[in-house]
Amino acid sequence: MYVVTNRIDVKKGFAEKMASKFTQGGKIQELEGFHKVEVWLIDDDEDYDQMYINTWWNTEDDFKGWLQSDAFKEAHEGRSKTKNENSPILGNKVVKANVISELKN
């Protein structure tokens, strides 16, 4: 299993407004190796919201297929190439990981 987390910092109060955009479904669900998307709101005392958008894939190659797909382009076509001063997004970091051990119920 391959997990990719996009850690996005947004202005306070915006995480819950934005979360459904990542889980509304679409062509990503048809891609080879896709399992699921979860959006987490980190519980801390920061003066901004921190969201983790986690996607689960069978393999790293499946994730790379998403990055090169028309589905990815369509999902991200509304984003501006330049930073919008009115955007609630403050920054982000992408973390990629292979699951090497797991315990299930």
Protein backbone atom coordinates (compact mmCIF):
# COMPACT_ATOMS: atom_id res chain seq x y z
CA MET A 1 0.00 0.00 0.00
CA TYR A 2 1.20 3.51 -0.85
CA VAL A 3 -0.16 6.55 1.01
CA VAL A 4 0.20 10.16 -0.07
CA THR A 5 -0.65 12.97 2.35
CA ASN A 6 -1.01 16.57 1.24
CA ARG A 7 -0.70 18.66 4.41
CA ILE A 8 -2.46 21.94 3.69
CA ASP A 9 -2.49 24.93 6.03
CA VAL A 10 -5.56 27.13 5.55
CA LYS A 11 -7.00 30.18 7.23
CA LYS A 12 -8.92 29.38 10.41
CA GLY A 13 -12.44 28.14 9.68
CA PHE A 14 -11.82 27.10 6.07
CA ALA A 15 -10.89 23.41 6.47
CA GLU A 16 -14.43 22.18 6.99
CA LYS A 17 -15.65 24.33 4.07
CA MET A 18 -13.01 22.86 1.75
CA ALA A 19 -13.02 19.21 2.85
CA SER A 20 -15.85 18.00 0.64
CA LYS A 21 -14.04 19.22 -2.49
CA PHE A 22 -11.50 16.45 -1.94
CA THR A 23 -14.06 13.69 -1.31
CA GLN A 24 -16.79 14.52 -3.81
CA GLY A 25 -15.74 11.60 -6.00
CA GLY A 26 -15.11 11.50 -9.68
CA LYS A 27 -12.72 10.01 -12.18
CA ILE A 28 -10.07 9.31 -9.53
CA GLN A 29 -12.27 6.42 -8.42
CA GLU A 30 -11.85 4.76 -11.81
CA LEU A 31 -8.04 4.82 -11.75
CA GLU A 32 -5.93 1.71 -11.38
CA GLY A 33 -4.88 1.08 -7.78
CA PHE A 34 -6.97 3.81 -6.13
CA HIS A 35 -8.44 2.87 -2.73
CA LYS A 36 -9.75 5.95 -0.95
CA VAL A 37 -9.37 9.58 0.09
CA GLU A 38 -9.74 10.85 3.64
CA VAL A 39 -9.55 14.45 4.81
CA TRP A 40 -8.42 15.07 8.38
CA LEU A 41 -8.63 18.27 10.37
CA ILE A 42 -5.71 18.29 12.78
CA ASP A 43 -6.71 18.97 16.38
CA ASP A 44 -4.26 21.56 17.70
CA ASP A 45 -4.11 25.11 19.03
CA GLU A 46 -2.62 26.80 15.96
CA ASP A 47 -4.09 30.06 14.64
CA TYR A 48 -4.78 28.33 11.29
CA ASP A 49 -6.43 25.04 10.25
CA GLN A 50 -4.26 22.17 9.14
CA MET A 51 -5.82 19.61 6.80
CA TYR A 52 -4.31 16.28 5.81
CA ILE A 53 -5.67 14.97 2.52
CA ASN A 54 -4.71 11.29 2.48
CA THR A 55 -4.95 9.13 -0.63
CA TRP A 56 -4.36 5.37 -0.59
CA TRP A 57 -3.00 3.53 -3.63
CA ASN A 58 -1.88 -0.03 -4.35
CA THR A 59 1.54 1.14 -5.55
CA GLU A 60 3.64 4.23 -6.14
CA ASP A 61 3.20 3.65 -9.89
CA ASP A 62 -0.58 3.83 -9.44
CA PHE A 63 -0.16 7.20 -7.71
CA LYS A 64 2.12 8.42 -10.51
CA GLY A 65 -0.57 7.35 -12.97
CA TRP A 66 -2.98 9.69 -11.15
CA LEU A 67 -0.53 12.58 -11.46
CA GLN A 68 -0.30 12.05 -15.23
CA SER A 69 -4.01 11.42 -15.80
CA ASP A 70 -6.68 13.61 -17.35
CA ALA A 71 -8.60 13.10 -14.09
CA PHE A 72 -5.82 14.87 -12.16
CA LYS A 73 -5.74 17.74 -14.65
CA GLU A 74 -9.52 18.16 -14.44
CA ALA A 75 -9.51 18.05 -10.64
CA HIS A 76 -6.89 20.80 -10.48
CA GLU A 77 -7.86 22.99 -13.46
CA GLY A 78 -9.54 25.63 -11.30
CA ARG A 79 -6.39 26.44 -9.36
CA SER A 80 -4.62 29.63 -10.30
CA LYS A 81 -0.97 29.45 -11.30
CA THR A 82 -0.28 32.58 -9.27
CA LYS A 83 -0.92 32.98 -5.58
CA ASN A 84 -4.27 34.61 -4.99
CA GLU A 85 -4.29 37.00 -2.03
CA ASN A 86 -7.88 35.98 -1.26
CA SER A 87 -7.08 32.27 -1.21
CA PRO A 88 -7.57 30.54 2.16
CA ILE A 89 -4.54 28.33 1.46
CA LEU A 90 -1.44 29.40 3.38
CA GLY A 91 0.89 26.60 2.28
CA ASN A 92 1.27 22.87 1.87
CA LYS A 93 3.66 19.93 1.99
CA VAL A 94 3.26 16.53 0.31
CA VAL A 95 4.42 13.43 2.20
CA LYS A 96 4.64 10.02 0.47
CA ALA A 97 4.97 6.72 2.30
CA ASN A 98 5.00 2.98 1.76
CA VAL A 99 3.02 1.03 4.35
CA ILE A 100 5.50 -1.56 5.59
CA SER A 101 3.57 -2.95 8.57
CA GLU A 102 -0.10 -3.00 9.53
CA LEU A 103 -2.44 -4.36 12.22
CA LYS A 104 -6.13 -4.76 11.39
CA ASN A 105 -9.06 -5.54 13.62
